[in-house]
Protein backbone atom coordinates (compact mmCIF):
# COMPACT_ATOMS: atom_id res chain seq x y z
CA MET A 1 73.19 115.54 30.32
CA ARG A 2 76.61 115.41 31.99
CA ARG A 3 79.25 113.18 30.45
CA ILE A 4 80.47 110.53 32.90
CA LEU A 5 84.19 109.87 32.45
CA GLY A 6 85.06 107.09 34.85
CA SER A 7 84.76 105.37 38.19
CA LEU A 8 86.51 106.34 41.42
CA ALA A 9 86.91 102.69 42.45
CA ALA A 10 89.57 102.01 39.82
CA VAL A 11 91.85 104.76 41.10
CA ALA A 12 91.08 104.96 44.81
CA ALA A 13 94.69 104.26 45.74
CA THR A 14 95.73 107.59 44.24
CA ALA A 15 93.92 109.45 47.01
CA VAL A 16 95.82 107.63 49.77
CA LEU A 17 98.35 110.46 50.18
CA PHE A 18 95.59 112.94 50.90
CA VAL A 19 93.81 110.58 53.32
CA GLN A 20 96.98 109.85 55.26
CA THR A 21 98.01 113.50 55.46
CA ALA A 22 94.55 114.60 56.54
CA SER A 23 94.33 112.09 59.37
CA ALA A 24 93.72 113.45 62.85
CA GLY A 25 95.76 112.24 65.80
CA ASN A 26 93.38 109.33 66.37
CA GLY A 27 93.59 108.24 62.72
CA VAL A 28 90.00 109.28 61.89
CA VAL A 29 89.55 111.16 58.63
CA ASN A 30 86.51 113.40 58.18
CA PRO A 31 84.82 112.25 54.95
CA ALA A 32 83.40 115.73 54.33
CA PHE A 33 86.91 117.12 53.87
CA GLN A 34 87.73 114.23 51.56
CA ARG A 35 84.62 114.74 49.39
CA LEU A 36 85.33 118.43 48.97
CA TRP A 37 88.95 117.83 47.96
CA ASN A 38 87.89 115.05 45.59
CA ARG A 39 85.55 117.26 43.59
CA GLN A 40 88.12 119.62 42.12
CA ASP A 41 91.52 118.12 42.91
CA LEU A 42 91.23 114.36 42.50
CA PRO A 43 90.87 114.78 38.70
CA ILE A 44 94.10 116.81 38.77
CA ALA A 45 95.91 114.15 40.82
CA LEU A 46 94.78 111.53 38.30
CA HIS A 47 95.87 113.67 35.32
CA LEU A 48 92.31 113.85 33.98
CA THR A 49 92.60 117.62 33.65
CA GLY A 50 95.41 120.13 33.27
CA ARG A 51 94.13 122.97 35.45
CA SER A 52 95.88 124.23 38.57
CA TRP A 53 95.05 123.05 42.10
CA THR A 54 92.03 124.36 44.00
CA TRP A 55 93.23 123.08 47.39
CA GLY A 56 96.58 121.43 46.77
CA PRO A 57 98.00 117.95 46.21
CA ALA A 58 97.67 117.06 49.90
CA ALA A 59 96.79 118.58 53.24
CA ILE A 60 99.67 120.48 54.87
CA SER A 61 98.47 120.01 58.46
CA PRO A 62 96.68 117.47 60.60
CA ILE A 63 93.05 118.22 61.46
CA ILE A 64 93.27 121.00 64.07
CA ARG A 65 90.64 122.19 66.55
CA GLU A 66 90.90 125.97 66.53
CA ASP A 67 89.05 128.50 68.67
CA PHE A 68 85.61 129.39 67.32
CA ALA A 69 83.08 130.87 69.73
CA GLU A 70 80.03 129.29 68.12
CA GLY A 71 81.61 125.87 67.63
CA ALA A 72 81.25 122.75 69.75
CA ASP A 73 83.04 123.48 73.05
CA GLY A 74 84.22 126.75 71.51
CA LYS A 75 86.25 124.97 68.83
CA ARG A 76 85.96 123.99 65.17
CA ALA A 77 87.76 121.40 63.06
CA VAL A 78 89.98 122.85 60.33
CA LEU A 79 92.36 121.40 57.77
CA TYR A 80 95.00 123.43 55.92
CA PHE A 81 96.00 123.16 52.27
CA ASP A 82 98.38 125.22 50.16
CA LYS A 83 95.52 127.25 48.69
CA SER A 84 93.02 127.52 51.55
CA ARG A 85 91.65 126.11 54.82
CA MET A 86 88.64 123.83 55.14
CA GLU A 87 86.44 124.43 58.20
CA ILE A 88 83.53 122.70 59.92
CA ASN A 89 81.84 125.28 62.12
CA ASP A 90 78.84 123.15 63.16
CA PRO A 91 79.44 119.39 63.21
CA THR A 92 75.72 118.78 63.92
CA ALA A 93 74.61 120.37 60.62
CA ASP A 94 73.68 118.43 57.47
CA GLN A 95 76.95 116.91 56.26
CA ASN A 96 75.63 116.80 52.68
CA ALA A 97 74.91 120.54 52.58
CA GLN A 98 77.29 122.61 50.45
CA TRP A 99 78.23 124.95 53.30
CA TYR A 100 78.78 122.20 55.90
CA VAL A 101 82.47 122.61 55.06
CA THR A 102 83.52 126.18 54.32
CA ASN A 103 86.85 127.73 53.41
CA GLY A 104 88.02 130.66 55.43
CA LEU A 105 88.29 134.37 54.79
CA LEU A 106 92.04 134.02 55.10
CA PRO A 107 93.19 136.84 52.77
CA ILE A 108 91.22 139.39 54.79
CA GLU A 109 92.76 138.19 58.05
CA LEU A 110 96.24 138.23 56.53
CA MET A 111 95.85 141.80 55.23
CA THR A 112 94.13 143.31 58.28
CA GLY A 113 95.65 141.21 61.06
CA ARG A 114 92.17 140.52 62.46
CA GLN A 115 92.21 136.80 63.31
CA GLN A 116 88.60 135.63 63.44
CA ASN A 117 87.77 133.31 66.36
CA GLY A 118 83.97 133.49 66.12
CA LEU A 119 81.25 135.18 64.12
CA GLY A 120 81.92 138.41 65.98
CA VAL A 121 85.11 137.56 67.87
CA PHE A 122 88.48 138.83 66.63
CA ASP A 123 92.03 138.84 67.93
CA GLN A 124 94.00 141.78 66.56
CA LYS A 125 97.46 140.79 65.37
CA ALA A 126 99.95 142.46 63.06
CA PRO A 127 99.15 142.10 59.34
CA ALA A 128 101.17 139.35 57.70
CA THR A 129 104.56 140.40 56.37
CA ILE A 130 104.53 137.31 54.15
CA THR A 131 104.86 137.62 50.39
CA ALA A 132 101.43 137.40 48.77
CA ILE A 133 102.47 137.09 45.10
CA GLY A 134 105.45 135.32 43.58
CA ASP A 135 108.61 134.00 45.21
CA PRO A 136 109.04 134.40 48.99
CA GLY A 137 110.85 137.36 50.50
CA GLN A 138 109.70 140.14 48.19
CA PHE A 139 107.08 142.84 47.70
CA PRO A 140 104.14 142.76 48.04
CA THR A 141 103.33 141.20 51.39
CA TYR A 142 99.78 140.99 52.67
CA ALA A 143 100.57 143.95 54.91
CA ASP A 144 101.47 145.92 51.77
CA LEU A 145 97.98 145.24 50.37
CA VAL A 146 95.89 146.37 53.35
CA HIS A 147 95.42 149.90 51.97
CA LEU A 148 93.77 148.36 48.89
CA TYR A 149 91.18 146.52 51.00
CA GLN A 150 87.73 147.82 50.00
CA ASN A 151 89.43 150.87 48.50
CA PRO A 152 87.81 152.25 46.41
CA GLY A 153 85.17 149.55 46.83
CA GLN A 154 82.44 149.93 44.23
CA VAL A 155 83.78 150.35 40.74
CA ASN A 156 83.57 153.63 38.88
CA PRO A 157 81.10 152.81 36.07
CA GLY A 158 83.37 154.66 33.65
CA ASP A 159 86.12 152.08 34.24
CA LEU A 160 84.00 149.12 33.15
CA GLY A 161 84.95 147.79 29.73
CA LYS A 162 88.42 149.31 30.05
CA PRO A 163 91.65 147.41 30.84
CA ALA A 164 93.13 147.18 34.31
CA THR A 165 96.14 149.48 34.11
CA GLY A 166 96.83 150.34 37.76
CA PHE A 167 100.34 149.41 38.90
CA LEU A 168 101.19 148.93 42.59
CA ASN A 169 104.55 150.45 43.48
CA THR A 170 106.68 149.48 46.46
CA ASP A 171 105.78 152.75 48.21
CA GLY A 172 102.08 151.85 47.96
CA SER A 173 101.28 154.36 45.23
CA ILE A 174 99.32 153.43 42.11
CA THR A 175 100.61 154.52 38.71
CA GLY A 176 99.73 153.61 35.14
CA PHE A 177 100.86 150.42 33.41
CA ASN A 178 99.77 149.99 29.81
CA ASP A 179 101.88 147.06 28.59
CA TYR A 180 98.82 144.79 28.48
CA ALA A 181 96.14 147.37 27.80
CA SER A 182 95.27 145.60 24.54
CA ASP A 183 94.88 142.22 26.26
CA PRO A 184 91.11 141.49 26.55
CA ALA A 185 91.77 139.33 29.59
CA THR A 186 92.47 142.50 31.61
CA THR A 187 89.13 144.16 30.79
CA LEU A 188 87.24 145.22 33.90
CA VAL A 189 83.72 143.85 34.32
CA ARG A 190 81.25 144.29 37.14
CA GLY A 191 81.68 141.84 40.04
CA ASP A 192 78.93 140.45 42.24
CA ASN A 193 79.30 143.17 44.88
CA ASN A 194 79.70 145.97 42.31
CA HIS A 195 83.49 145.85 42.34
CA GLY A 196 85.46 145.87 39.12
CA VAL A 197 86.93 142.44 38.35
CA ALA A 198 89.34 141.50 35.57
CA LYS A 199 87.52 139.44 32.93
CA VAL A 200 90.17 136.73 33.07
CA PHE A 201 89.30 136.10 36.73
CA ILE A 202 85.56 135.99 36.04
CA ASP A 203 86.17 133.49 33.24
CA TYR A 204 88.39 131.40 35.51
CA MET A 205 85.80 131.28 38.29
CA ASN A 206 83.10 130.17 35.82
CA GLN A 207 85.13 127.61 33.89
CA GLN A 208 83.87 124.16 32.89
CA GLY A 209 85.97 121.07 33.48
CA VAL A 210 86.27 117.57 34.89
CA VAL A 211 85.06 117.13 38.50
CA SER A 212 84.57 114.12 40.75
CA GLU A 213 81.41 113.40 42.73
CA ASN A 214 80.08 110.19 44.28
CA GLY A 215 82.74 108.07 42.65
CA GLN A 216 82.22 109.38 39.11
CA TYR A 217 83.96 111.92 36.88
CA PHE A 218 82.05 114.24 34.60
CA ASP A 219 82.23 117.63 32.88
CA SER A 220 80.60 120.39 34.90
CA LYS A 221 81.07 123.91 36.16
CA VAL A 222 84.18 123.52 38.31
CA TYR A 223 83.46 126.19 40.93
CA ASP A 224 80.67 127.85 42.81
CA PRO A 225 82.41 131.27 42.79
CA LEU A 226 80.91 132.52 46.06
CA PHE A 227 81.76 129.29 47.87
CA VAL A 228 85.34 128.93 46.61
CA PHE A 229 86.47 132.52 46.02
CA GLY A 230 84.02 134.82 47.79
CA LEU A 231 83.52 138.42 46.77
CA PRO A 232 86.30 140.71 45.50
CA VAL A 233 87.75 142.92 48.23
CA THR A 234 90.39 144.81 46.21
CA GLY A 235 90.63 146.09 42.68
CA ALA A 236 92.74 144.36 40.02
CA TYR A 237 96.31 145.71 39.96
CA TRP A 238 99.59 144.94 38.26
CA VAL A 239 102.78 144.34 40.19
CA LYS A 240 106.25 143.22 39.15
CA ALA A 241 107.31 140.13 41.08
CA ASN A 242 109.89 137.40 40.76
CA VAL A 243 108.27 134.11 39.77
CA GLY A 244 110.71 131.22 39.67
CA GLY A 245 113.51 133.76 39.94
CA VAL A 246 112.37 135.74 36.88
CA GLU A 247 110.74 139.15 37.20
CA ARG A 248 107.29 139.17 35.62
CA PRO A 249 104.38 141.61 35.42
CA ILE A 250 101.53 139.95 37.34
CA LEU A 251 97.90 141.06 37.49
CA PHE A 252 96.39 140.18 40.85
CA GLN A 253 93.13 140.61 42.71
CA VAL A 254 92.22 139.68 46.28
CA PHE A 255 88.91 137.97 47.03
CA GLU A 256 87.41 137.07 50.39
CA ARG A 257 88.72 133.50 50.25
CA ARG A 258 91.46 133.45 47.61
CA VAL A 259 94.08 135.55 45.82
CA LEU A 260 94.03 135.20 42.03
CA THR A 261 96.97 136.04 39.77
CA TYR A 262 97.24 136.36 35.99
CA ASN A 263 100.69 135.79 34.49
CA PRO A 264 100.56 136.35 30.70
CA ALA A 265 103.90 134.56 30.31
CA ASN A 266 102.55 131.22 31.54
CA ASN A 267 101.05 128.48 29.41
CA PRO A 268 97.32 129.19 28.86
CA ALA A 269 96.10 126.57 31.39
CA PHE A 270 98.20 128.17 34.14
CA ARG A 271 97.96 131.87 33.37
CA VAL A 272 95.47 132.21 36.22
CA GLU A 273 96.39 130.58 39.49
CA MET A 274 95.39 130.82 43.15
CA GLY A 275 97.96 132.08 45.61
CA ASN A 276 99.17 129.88 48.47
CA VAL A 277 96.89 131.58 50.98
CA GLY A 278 96.46 128.50 53.19
CA GLN A 279 100.21 128.00 53.42
CA HIS A 280 100.78 131.68 54.19
CA TYR A 281 98.02 131.83 56.79
CA TYR A 282 99.34 128.75 58.60
CA GLN A 283 102.77 130.37 58.78
CA TRP A 284 101.27 133.63 60.08
CA ARG A 285 98.99 132.03 62.66
CA TYR A 286 101.42 129.44 63.99
CA ASP A 287 104.66 131.33 63.31
CA GLN A 288 106.09 128.40 61.38
CA PRO A 289 105.95 127.05 57.83
CA ALA A 290 103.37 124.38 57.11
CA SER A 291 104.77 120.90 56.54
């Protein structure tokens, strides 16, 4: 039995910032976007949990109608957050279904430059020269990661159970990095599509915590990994990047919908975080920072 922690009614005012920011030009807010944000991030906003954001503290764009060949009138409603983009591809579908709102395959588009405007419609742009990990204006950018995309793909069975020790250099080469070889968090395990995934990321995707649904808070599995993260599309690699102005070794891995990083120097609750993929994609697509 799940443990109910409280009522949404007592703290509804806390969500006002999100509602106002997410408003479309006519002032109408799509409740499906609100429900999805509420589940993982309202407990964070209310300080009921100490984990990092799934979407972000507030939307960073108005609701936008972007090109999508299969959408109503060739468009779909999207809403950008720091960590991702919410999408409604078919507004006539069941609004209570889990996949009524999806979050985009933004990391793939950023790495490859293939902007998806329909199920089989793409506009080829230049890969994003936007920093993917750490402080802005440094290596690696998404363009620097494209050669890792589905390369090598399926994991070598001999690497499973061993630590991730590949280090991405600025010239794109991979060399050894053993500083954290004894850290069990870096152990490679088999991912859903037979890719090797760092154990710390698997544990993060399957964590239990406080969520909000239908006006109540309770302990549950926080994420559906396929829905929130998607499948891994690169291996797990180390890189040295400035974080808050300090150079740190960071383990990262790109998934279809998110970029995950592991910073051993952080406090335990924030050692794994999601990159600001939504923020970066908005900048790449619209050639301006999100606001």
